[in-house]
Amino acid sequence: MIQSHRTAAAAAVLALAVLAGGCAEAATGVRGTPGSAGVRDPYFPKLGNGGYDVRHYDLTLAYDPASGRLDGSAEITARATQDLSAFNLDLAGLTVTGAQVDGATAAWNRAGDELTLRPHDDLREGDEFTVGITYSGVPEPITDADGSTEGWLRTDGGAVAVGEPEGSMTWFPGNHHPSDKAAYDIRLTVPAGLEALSNGVRSELRKDPDGRVTSVWHTAEPMASYLATVAIGRYDTASATGPGALPVLTAAERPVAAASAALRGEIPEIVSRQVKRFGAYPFSAAGAIVTEDGTLGYALETQTRPVFPAASFDRTTLVHELAHQWFGNSVTPETWQDLWLNEGFATYAEWLYTEEYEDVPARTHFDRAYAQDANWAFPPAAPPAAANLFDPPVYQRGAMVLHKLRETVGDEVFDEILRGWPAKYRHANASTEDFTAYAESVAGKDLAPLWKTWLYGDGRPAES
């Protein structure tokens, strides 16, 4: 190799720096290092990326239901959390056709679900920068470790997108770990006659010169990418007003619209009741999307507008998914190991609802859950693998932890915890350790025996 514009001494300094793992800035003028690929989540170590914090996603998507083709562009605004020479985005499938950083063409390459960008100039720690990605293709869904399907799912004449835990990377590039939340603007262009729905508030609806229709949706509050959704198809919509003039928009695919209309109409009242129990509603919109059965096998708490297959659209599930707007969506888990904070609270919200409005005490639900062997397969705070994240202990035993907390501290203190927890961590991320410390601070006592037995303990404890 011929060395030009570099003395042998400088080359030796560089070699020593590289061998020592140090920065070669003095020899090369380069400050940055690559951001990590993955944030070392206990269950999804390659999900998310290091070195930056996303502030805003601006997504422009055009979808052709006949071919299944999605044409997209993503403008991502982020802040560097270290000096960066390169960084990654998560993107599954789809063909990238261009990449820019701060308006300048960036080098990029693909390796599996990792899209690596090398900007023309290094980014300094603290810099705010924009990333532009253009891409296209036919999105392919992901089959989870537990056998369920997520991502961009084609329907008869449309599509529905759901992303828990990693499916959002099938339709847009991003930092797809719940620890990096951001605001969103999503523009959806579809053939005339179809609705195109997403999270938040619809800020624009227009007919384009080519006859297609574009809807623009704005989500001002931070949102984890797994909670982003899209629903395209023939939907009937209905508008209502919730507490504090909250706009409530519901939609249902036409074959199931009439059957779901009455329960969709109860959403403002259910949200009002939950506000009394959990505190101020954390977002600027609410609602629901109901799809025909056959595509989606589960309901999901997508932010501001949960998605339900028609067979799952019942009052209990609706209460559960709306409660997630506080527990999971506003207060979002730090890692996927903290998922019981989502599902335990949402399940306990069901118990509270039936206790207050159907005369079924929460203790009755506790006793039923206690008797079921499946709930004791593992501790709710320690699922053994990604395939177990959505197993019964996370939901039912998670709710049992909360009921034991209630019985230990009393209703008055428990209600303070129930309202204070989503207020303290509003629009933030929190861990199991954050919750246990918070509960102890409010209760004014050491609750270690409770956590050891009910949250972390193996097997079914004795219960009187």
Protein backbone atom coordinates (compact mmCIF):
# COMPACT_ATOMS: atom_id res chain seq x y z
CA MET A 1 0.00 0.00 0.00
CA ILE A 2 1.36 3.41 -0.98
CA GLN A 3 1.12 6.04 1.75
CA SER A 4 0.64 9.57 0.48
CA HIS A 5 0.37 12.82 2.45
CA ARG A 6 1.28 10.97 5.62
CA THR A 7 4.67 10.51 7.26
CA ALA A 8 5.79 7.17 8.60
CA ALA A 9 5.73 8.67 12.10
CA ALA A 10 2.10 9.75 11.69
CA ALA A 11 1.22 6.29 10.42
CA ALA A 12 2.84 4.76 13.50
CA VAL A 13 0.85 7.07 15.78
CA LEU A 14 -2.35 6.05 14.00
CA ALA A 15 -1.52 2.36 14.29
CA LEU A 16 -0.84 2.69 18.01
CA ALA A 17 -4.10 4.56 18.50
CA VAL A 18 -6.09 1.89 16.67
CA LEU A 19 -4.38 -0.93 18.58
CA ALA A 20 -5.11 0.84 21.85
CA GLY A 21 -8.74 1.37 20.90
CA GLY A 22 -8.26 5.11 21.24
CA CYS A 23 -9.37 7.99 19.05
CA ALA A 24 -7.24 8.72 16.00
CA GLU A 25 -8.48 12.29 15.80
CA ALA A 26 -4.98 13.82 16.00
CA ALA A 27 -3.73 11.79 13.06
CA THR A 28 -6.80 11.87 10.78
CA GLY A 29 -9.06 14.74 11.85
CA VAL A 30 -11.91 12.25 12.30
CA ARG A 31 -13.82 12.70 15.55
CA GLY A 32 -16.71 10.27 15.38
CA THR A 33 -17.20 6.56 15.83
CA PRO A 34 -20.10 4.43 14.56
CA GLY A 35 -23.23 4.23 16.67
CA SER A 36 -24.07 0.77 17.94
CA ALA A 37 -26.32 -1.60 16.01
CA GLY A 38 -28.87 -2.50 18.67
CA VAL A 39 -29.40 -1.29 22.22
CA ARG A 40 -28.87 -4.70 23.83
CA ASP A 41 -32.46 -5.24 24.86
CA PRO A 42 -32.70 -8.46 26.92
CA TYR A 43 -34.97 -10.08 24.30
CA PHE A 44 -34.18 -8.15 21.11
CA PRO A 45 -30.48 -7.21 21.35
CA LYS A 46 -30.28 -5.96 17.75
CA LEU A 47 -33.45 -3.87 17.90
CA GLY A 48 -32.94 -0.11 18.07
CA ASN A 49 -29.63 1.68 17.57
CA GLY A 50 -27.18 3.74 19.57
CA GLY A 51 -25.61 7.15 19.09
CA TYR A 52 -28.69 9.27 18.49
CA ASP A 53 -32.15 10.15 19.78
CA VAL A 54 -35.01 10.58 17.31
CA ARG A 55 -37.17 13.66 17.82
CA HIS A 56 -39.58 13.42 14.87
CA TYR A 57 -40.61 11.12 12.01
CA ASP A 58 -42.13 12.62 8.86
CA LEU A 59 -43.38 9.71 6.74
CA THR A 60 -44.83 10.02 3.25
CA LEU A 61 -46.39 6.77 2.04
CA ALA A 62 -48.27 5.79 -1.10
CA TYR A 63 -49.93 2.38 -1.19
CA ASP A 64 -51.39 0.38 -4.06
CA PRO A 65 -53.64 -2.36 -2.64
CA ALA A 66 -53.84 -4.20 -5.95
CA SER A 67 -50.10 -4.87 -6.14
CA GLY A 68 -49.25 -4.49 -2.46
CA ARG A 69 -46.52 -1.97 -3.38
CA LEU A 70 -45.55 0.68 -0.85
CA ASP A 71 -43.57 3.75 -1.95
CA GLY A 72 -42.18 5.70 0.97
CA SER A 73 -39.95 8.49 2.06
CA ALA A 74 -38.92 9.13 5.64
CA GLU A 75 -37.47 12.34 7.02
CA ILE A 76 -36.12 11.71 10.49
CA THR A 77 -35.03 14.49 12.81
CA ALA A 78 -32.62 13.35 15.52
CA ARG A 79 -29.97 14.53 17.97
CA ALA A 80 -26.55 12.92 18.14
CA THR A 81 -25.74 11.55 21.60
CA GLN A 82 -22.09 10.97 20.68
CA ASP A 83 -19.66 12.00 17.94
CA LEU A 84 -20.88 9.91 15.01
CA SER A 85 -19.08 8.75 11.90
CA ALA A 86 -21.94 6.37 11.00
CA PHE A 87 -25.23 5.16 12.45
CA ASN A 88 -27.91 2.55 11.83
CA LEU A 89 -31.63 2.42 11.22
CA ASP A 90 -33.82 -0.67 11.48
CA LEU A 91 -35.55 -1.63 8.22
CA ALA A 92 -36.82 -5.07 7.21
CA GLY A 93 -37.08 -5.87 3.52
CA LEU A 94 -38.02 -3.03 1.13
CA THR A 95 -35.53 -1.51 -1.29
CA VAL A 96 -33.69 1.67 -0.35
CA THR A 97 -33.24 3.99 -3.33
CA GLY A 98 -31.57 6.97 -1.69
CA ALA A 99 -30.20 8.36 1.56
CA GLN A 100 -29.25 11.83 2.74
CA VAL A 101 -28.00 13.35 5.97
CA ASP A 102 -28.57 17.10 6.36
CA GLY A 103 -29.35 17.35 2.66
CA ALA A 104 -26.09 15.77 1.48
CA THR A 105 -25.96 12.35 -0.11
CA ALA A 106 -24.90 9.72 2.42
CA ALA A 107 -23.23 6.38 1.77
CA TRP A 108 -25.33 3.45 2.92
CA ASN A 109 -25.38 -0.32 2.97
CA ARG A 110 -27.73 -3.10 4.10
CA ALA A 111 -27.04 -6.12 6.28
CA GLY A 112 -30.17 -7.99 7.27
CA ASP A 113 -32.50 -5.57 9.06
CA GLU A 114 -29.71 -3.01 9.60
CA LEU A 115 -29.43 0.02 7.31
CA THR A 116 -26.07 1.71 7.97
CA LEU A 117 -25.58 5.34 6.92
CA ARG A 118 -22.26 7.15 6.71
CA PRO A 119 -22.83 10.91 6.46
CA HIS A 120 -20.59 13.11 4.29
CA ASP A 121 -19.35 14.85 7.43
CA ASP A 122 -19.13 13.44 10.94
CA LEU A 123 -21.81 14.51 13.38
CA ARG A 124 -20.83 16.09 16.69
CA GLU A 125 -22.42 15.13 19.98
CA GLY A 126 -25.42 17.38 20.56
CA ASP A 127 -25.94 18.15 16.87
CA GLU A 128 -29.49 18.00 15.57
CA PHE A 129 -29.57 16.46 12.12
CA THR A 130 -32.05 15.21 9.53
CA VAL A 131 -32.01 11.91 7.67
CA GLY A 132 -33.86 11.36 4.41
CA ILE A 133 -34.56 7.83 3.14
CA THR A 134 -36.52 6.87 0.02
CA TYR A 135 -37.64 3.28 -0.32
CA SER A 136 -40.20 1.01 -1.96
CA GLY A 137 -41.35 -2.57 -2.30
CA VAL A 138 -43.95 -5.01 -1.07
CA PRO A 139 -43.73 -5.14 2.74
CA GLU A 140 -43.53 -8.62 4.24
CA PRO A 141 -44.94 -9.33 7.72
CA ILE A 142 -42.87 -10.72 10.57
CA THR A 143 -43.70 -13.94 12.40
CA ASP A 144 -42.92 -13.50 16.08
CA ALA A 145 -41.23 -16.03 18.34
CA ASP A 146 -44.66 -16.89 19.76
CA GLY A 147 -46.07 -17.56 16.27
CA SER A 148 -48.16 -14.40 15.91
CA THR A 149 -47.87 -12.16 12.85
CA GLU A 150 -47.16 -8.44 12.84
CA GLY A 151 -45.96 -5.64 10.62
CA TRP A 152 -47.62 -4.51 7.39
CA LEU A 153 -50.51 -6.95 6.85
CA ARG A 154 -52.41 -7.00 3.57
CA THR A 155 -56.20 -7.19 3.72
CA ASP A 156 -58.84 -7.59 1.03
CA GLY A 157 -58.51 -4.23 -0.68
CA GLY A 158 -56.18 -2.58 1.83
CA ALA A 159 -53.75 -3.10 4.69
CA VAL A 160 -53.34 -2.76 8.43
CA ALA A 161 -50.00 -2.12 10.14
CA VAL A 162 -49.25 -3.14 13.74
CA GLY A 163 -45.81 -3.24 15.29
CA GLU A 164 -45.47 -4.90 18.69
CA PRO A 165 -42.67 -5.71 19.32
CA GLU A 166 -40.71 -5.18 16.07
CA GLY A 167 -43.11 -5.04 13.12
CA SER A 168 -42.91 -1.30 12.44
CA MET A 169 -39.57 -1.77 10.70
CA THR A 170 -41.46 -3.57 7.91
CA TRP A 171 -42.89 -0.26 6.68
CA PHE A 172 -40.55 2.54 7.71
CA PRO A 173 -36.90 2.95 8.71
CA GLY A 174 -36.25 4.09 12.26
CA ASN A 175 -34.89 3.49 15.71
CA HIS A 176 -37.34 0.72 16.50
CA HIS A 177 -36.93 0.24 20.23
CA PRO A 178 -39.46 1.56 22.76
CA SER A 179 -36.76 3.55 24.58
CA ASP A 180 -36.59 6.06 21.69
CA LYS A 181 -39.97 7.81 21.40
CA ALA A 182 -40.73 10.62 18.95
CA ALA A 183 -43.47 12.77 17.43
CA TYR A 184 -44.93 11.74 14.06
CA ASP A 185 -46.47 13.14 10.90
CA ILE A 186 -47.74 10.43 8.54
CA ARG A 187 -49.00 11.20 5.00
CA LEU A 188 -50.94 8.37 3.39
CA THR A 189 -51.91 8.39 -0.29
CA VAL A 190 -54.36 5.72 -1.45
CA PRO A 191 -56.81 5.12 -4.30
CA ALA A 192 -60.04 7.09 -4.24
CA GLY A 193 -62.81 5.43 -2.26
CA LEU A 194 -60.52 4.13 0.47
CA GLU A 195 -59.92 5.51 3.96
CA ALA A 196 -56.35 5.89 5.21
CA LEU A 197 -56.19 6.05 9.01
CA SER A 198 -53.34 6.46 11.47
CA ASN A 199 -52.52 7.79 14.93
CA GLY A 200 -53.33 11.20 16.34
CA VAL A 201 -55.32 13.95 14.68
CA ARG A 202 -56.03 14.17 10.96
CA SER A 203 -54.64 17.55 9.94
CA GLU A 204 -55.40 17.34 6.22
CA LEU A 205 -57.58 15.38 3.79
CA ARG A 206 -57.32 16.17 0.10
CA LYS A 207 -58.07 14.77 -3.33
CA ASP A 208 -54.93 14.77 -5.45
CA PRO A 209 -54.78 15.69 -9.17
CA ASP A 210 -54.23 12.03 -10.10
CA GLY A 211 -57.51 11.07 -8.42
CA ARG A 212 -55.95 9.49 -5.35
CA VAL A 213 -56.66 10.72 -1.82
CA THR A 214 -54.10 11.87 0.75
CA SER A 215 -54.66 11.94 4.52
CA VAL A 216 -52.16 13.59 6.88
CA TRP A 217 -52.04 12.49 10.53
CA HIS A 218 -50.22 14.35 13.30
CA THR A 219 -49.09 12.86 16.62
CA ALA A 220 -47.63 15.62 18.78
CA GLU A 221 -46.87 13.55 21.86
CA PRO A 222 -43.92 11.12 21.96
CA MET A 223 -44.74 7.68 20.59
CA ALA A 224 -42.77 4.43 20.53
CA SER A 225 -42.57 3.12 16.98
CA TYR A 226 -44.30 -0.16 17.88
CA LEU A 227 -47.42 1.88 18.62
CA ALA A 228 -47.59 3.50 15.17
CA THR A 229 -50.41 2.17 12.99
CA VAL A 230 -51.91 2.46 9.53
CA ALA A 231 -55.28 1.13 8.38
CA ILE A 232 -56.27 1.35 4.71
CA GLY A 233 -59.55 0.10 3.29
CA ARG A 234 -63.27 0.70 3.10
CA TYR A 235 -64.09 2.02 6.55
CA ASP A 236 -67.04 3.81 8.06
CA THR A 237 -65.97 6.49 10.53
CA ALA A 238 -67.70 8.24 13.42
CA SER A 239 -66.66 11.29 15.45
CA ALA A 240 -67.49 12.11 19.05
CA THR A 241 -66.15 14.19 21.93
CA GLY A 242 -64.58 12.86 25.10
CA PRO A 243 -63.56 14.55 28.38
CA GLY A 244 -62.13 18.04 28.00
CA ALA A 245 -63.35 18.31 24.38
CA LEU A 246 -61.11 15.37 23.44
CA PRO A 247 -61.70 14.40 19.78
CA VAL A 248 -62.70 10.74 19.47
CA LEU A 249 -62.56 9.18 16.01
CA THR A 250 -63.53 5.56 15.45
CA ALA A 251 -63.50 3.54 12.26
CA ALA A 252 -64.71 0.09 11.30
CA GLU A 253 -64.48 -1.85 8.07
CA ARG A 254 -67.89 -1.74 6.45
CA PRO A 255 -68.89 -5.38 6.95
CA VAL A 256 -68.43 -4.98 10.73
CA ALA A 257 -69.34 -1.30 11.08
CA ALA A 258 -72.95 -1.71 12.14
CA ALA A 259 -72.23 -4.45 14.67
CA SER A 260 -69.45 -2.43 16.32
CA ALA A 261 -71.17 0.97 16.29
CA ALA A 262 -72.76 0.81 19.76
CA LEU A 263 -69.58 -0.18 21.58
CA ARG A 264 -67.52 2.34 19.61
CA GLY A 265 -70.00 4.92 20.83
CA GLU A 266 -69.15 4.05 24.46
CA ILE A 267 -65.50 5.10 24.11
CA PRO A 268 -65.98 8.70 25.35
CA GLU A 269 -67.68 7.44 28.52
CA ILE A 270 -65.09 4.71 29.15
CA VAL A 271 -62.26 7.24 28.73
CA SER A 272 -64.05 9.61 31.13
CA ARG A 273 -64.27 6.87 33.75
CA GLN A 274 -60.60 6.03 33.31
CA VAL A 275 -59.65 9.69 33.67
CA LYS A 276 -61.28 9.67 37.10
CA ARG A 277 -59.18 6.64 38.07
CA PHE A 278 -55.87 7.19 36.27
CA GLY A 279 -55.64 10.97 35.94
CA ALA A 280 -55.59 13.28 32.93
CA TYR A 281 -55.80 11.60 29.53
CA PRO A 282 -52.27 11.82 28.11
CA PHE A 283 -52.94 12.44 24.40
CA SER A 284 -54.71 14.85 22.05
CA ALA A 285 -56.98 12.24 20.44
CA ALA A 286 -58.70 8.94 21.17
CA GLY A 287 -60.64 6.31 19.27
CA ALA A 288 -60.49 2.81 17.81
CA ILE A 289 -60.12 0.93 14.53
CA VAL A 290 -62.10 -2.29 14.02
CA THR A 291 -61.08 -4.63 11.21
CA GLU A 292 -62.72 -7.67 9.71
CA ASP A 293 -61.58 -10.97 11.16
CA GLY A 294 -59.03 -13.03 9.30
CA THR A 295 -56.01 -10.71 9.07
CA LEU A 296 -55.15 -9.64 12.59
CA GLY A 297 -55.28 -12.22 15.35
CA TYR A 298 -55.19 -9.90 18.37
CA ALA A 299 -56.06 -6.40 19.57
CA LEU A 300 -53.27 -3.87 20.02
CA GLU A 301 -53.06 -0.60 21.96
CA THR A 302 -51.76 1.50 19.05
CA GLN A 303 -51.41 5.04 20.36
CA THR A 304 -54.64 7.10 20.50
CA ARG A 305 -56.43 4.61 18.22
CA PRO A 306 -56.24 0.93 19.30
CA VAL A 307 -56.80 -1.70 16.60
CA PHE A 308 -59.19 -4.63 17.08
CA PRO A 309 -60.24 -7.57 14.94
CA ALA A 310 -64.03 -7.71 15.11
CA ALA A 311 -64.01 -10.90 17.17
CA SER A 312 -61.95 -9.19 19.90
CA PHE A 313 -63.97 -5.97 20.01
CA ASP A 314 -65.77 -6.45 23.31
CA ARG A 315 -66.04 -4.20 26.35
CA THR A 316 -63.38 -5.98 28.40
CA THR A 317 -60.79 -5.79 25.63
CA LEU A 318 -61.74 -2.19 24.88
CA VAL A 319 -61.21 -1.21 28.54
CA HIS A 320 -57.85 -3.00 28.45
CA GLU A 321 -56.56 -1.29 25.30
CA LEU A 322 -57.79 2.16 26.34
CA ALA A 323 -56.06 1.78 29.72
CA HIS A 324 -52.84 1.19 27.80
CA GLN A 325 -52.95 4.82 26.70
CA TRP A 326 -51.75 5.61 30.24
CA PHE A 327 -49.90 2.37 30.96
CA GLY A 328 -47.62 1.46 28.09
CA ASN A 329 -48.20 4.30 25.65
CA SER A 330 -47.60 7.37 27.81
CA VAL A 331 -45.46 5.49 30.36
CA THR A 332 -43.51 3.21 28.05
CA PRO A 333 -41.27 0.32 29.16
CA GLU A 334 -37.54 0.96 29.23
CA THR A 335 -36.91 -2.50 27.78
CA TRP A 336 -39.15 -5.35 26.69
CA GLN A 337 -38.44 -7.05 30.02
CA ASP A 338 -40.60 -4.35 31.62
CA LEU A 339 -43.66 -5.31 29.55
CA TRP A 340 -45.59 -6.43 32.63
CA LEU A 341 -45.89 -2.72 33.48
CA ASN A 342 -48.03 -2.43 30.34
CA GLU A 343 -50.02 -5.62 30.55
CA GLY A 344 -50.34 -5.99 34.30
CA PHE A 345 -51.80 -2.49 34.64
CA ALA A 346 -54.12 -2.88 31.64
CA THR A 347 -55.37 -6.22 32.98
CA TYR A 348 -55.90 -4.71 36.42
CA ALA A 349 -57.83 -1.89 34.73
CA GLU A 350 -60.28 -4.58 33.58
CA TRP A 351 -60.61 -5.80 37.17
CA LEU A 352 -61.20 -2.27 38.43
CA TYR A 353 -63.80 -1.62 35.76
CA THR A 354 -65.84 -4.72 36.63
CA GLU A 355 -65.46 -3.97 40.33
CA GLU A 356 -66.88 -0.47 39.96
CA TYR A 357 -69.45 -0.95 37.21
CA GLU A 358 -70.38 -4.66 37.24
CA ASP A 359 -70.15 -5.50 40.98
CA VAL A 360 -67.41 -8.10 40.48
CA PRO A 361 -64.68 -7.41 43.09
CA ALA A 362 -61.07 -7.29 41.93
CA ARG A 363 -60.36 -9.95 44.57
CA THR A 364 -62.61 -12.34 42.65
CA HIS A 365 -60.43 -11.93 39.57
CA PHE A 366 -57.35 -12.38 41.75
CA ASP A 367 -58.65 -15.66 43.15
CA ARG A 368 -59.48 -16.96 39.68
CA ALA A 369 -56.02 -16.03 38.40
CA TYR A 370 -54.36 -17.54 41.46
CA ALA A 371 -56.04 -20.88 40.74
CA GLN A 372 -54.81 -21.10 37.15
CA ASP A 373 -51.58 -23.08 36.77
CA ALA A 374 -50.57 -21.26 33.58
CA ASN A 375 -50.10 -18.03 35.52
CA TRP A 376 -47.23 -19.52 37.53
CA ALA A 377 -44.94 -20.58 34.70
CA PHE A 378 -42.49 -17.74 35.44
CA PRO A 379 -42.31 -14.40 37.29
CA PRO A 380 -43.97 -11.51 35.43
CA ALA A 381 -40.79 -9.41 35.57
CA ALA A 382 -38.63 -12.18 34.10
CA PRO A 383 -40.09 -13.98 31.06
CA PRO A 384 -37.62 -16.68 30.05
CA ALA A 385 -37.51 -15.73 26.34
CA ALA A 386 -39.01 -13.44 23.70
CA ALA A 387 -41.57 -16.15 22.91
CA ASN A 388 -42.99 -15.75 26.44
CA LEU A 389 -43.45 -11.97 26.50
CA PHE A 390 -47.18 -12.26 25.91
CA ASP A 391 -47.84 -15.33 28.04
CA PRO A 392 -50.38 -15.38 30.92
CA PRO A 393 -47.95 -14.56 33.77
CA VAL A 394 -47.14 -11.16 32.23
CA TYR A 395 -50.85 -10.25 32.17
CA GLN A 396 -52.55 -12.15 34.97
CA ARG A 397 -49.74 -12.44 37.47
CA GLY A 398 -48.78 -8.86 36.63
CA ALA A 399 -52.27 -7.80 37.68
CA MET A 400 -51.98 -9.98 40.79
CA VAL A 401 -48.85 -8.05 41.81
CA LEU A 402 -50.88 -4.86 41.69
CA HIS A 403 -53.73 -6.34 43.71
CA LYS A 404 -51.33 -7.54 46.40
CA LEU A 405 -49.84 -4.04 46.41
CA ARG A 406 -53.33 -2.64 46.90
CA GLU A 407 -54.07 -5.00 49.78
CA THR A 408 -50.70 -4.19 51.39
CA VAL A 409 -50.87 -0.37 51.23
CA GLY A 410 -54.64 0.16 51.33
CA ASP A 411 -57.02 1.64 48.78
CA GLU A 412 -56.19 5.28 49.46
CA VAL A 413 -52.45 4.88 48.93
CA PHE A 414 -53.00 2.50 46.02
CA ASP A 415 -55.21 5.05 44.27
CA GLU A 416 -52.46 7.63 44.78
CA ILE A 417 -49.98 5.26 43.12
CA LEU A 418 -52.44 4.50 40.32
CA ARG A 419 -52.75 8.19 39.44
CA GLY A 420 -49.26 9.31 40.38
CA TRP A 421 -47.31 6.72 38.40
CA PRO A 422 -48.56 7.82 34.94
CA ALA A 423 -48.24 11.45 35.99
CA LYS A 424 -44.63 11.13 37.15
CA TYR A 425 -43.51 9.31 33.98
CA ARG A 426 -45.88 10.98 31.52
CA HIS A 427 -44.53 10.59 27.95
CA ALA A 428 -41.35 8.96 29.30
CA ASN A 429 -39.84 5.50 29.69
CA ALA A 430 -39.76 3.61 32.97
CA SER A 431 -38.44 0.32 34.28
CA THR A 432 -39.65 -2.20 36.82
CA GLU A 433 -37.13 -0.77 39.28
CA ASP A 434 -38.58 2.71 38.70
CA PHE A 435 -42.03 1.41 39.59
CA THR A 436 -41.06 -0.47 42.73
CA ALA A 437 -39.09 2.53 43.99
CA TYR A 438 -42.01 4.86 43.23
CA ALA A 439 -44.55 2.63 44.98
CA GLU A 440 -42.35 2.44 48.07
CA SER A 441 -41.87 6.21 48.10
CA VAL A 442 -45.63 6.81 48.02
CA ALA A 443 -46.38 4.05 50.53
CA GLY A 444 -43.59 5.20 52.81
CA LYS A 445 -42.49 1.64 53.51
CA ASP A 446 -40.16 -1.10 52.33
CA LEU A 447 -42.11 -3.46 50.06
CA ALA A 448 -39.24 -5.83 49.30
CA PRO A 449 -41.06 -8.94 50.62
CA LEU A 450 -43.99 -8.25 48.29
CA TRP A 451 -41.76 -7.82 45.22
CA LYS A 452 -39.67 -10.87 46.11
CA THR A 453 -42.70 -13.12 46.37
CA TRP A 454 -45.16 -11.84 43.78
CA LEU A 455 -43.05 -10.01 41.20
CA TYR A 456 -39.83 -12.01 41.10
CA GLY A 457 -40.60 -15.27 42.89
CA ASP A 458 -40.78 -18.68 41.25
CA GLY A 459 -43.85 -20.81 41.75
CA ARG A 460 -47.19 -20.18 43.42
CA PRO A 461 -46.84 -18.70 46.92
CA ALA A 462 -49.12 -19.61 49.79
CA GLU A 463 -52.21 -17.40 49.85
CA SER A 464 -54.84 -17.18 52.57
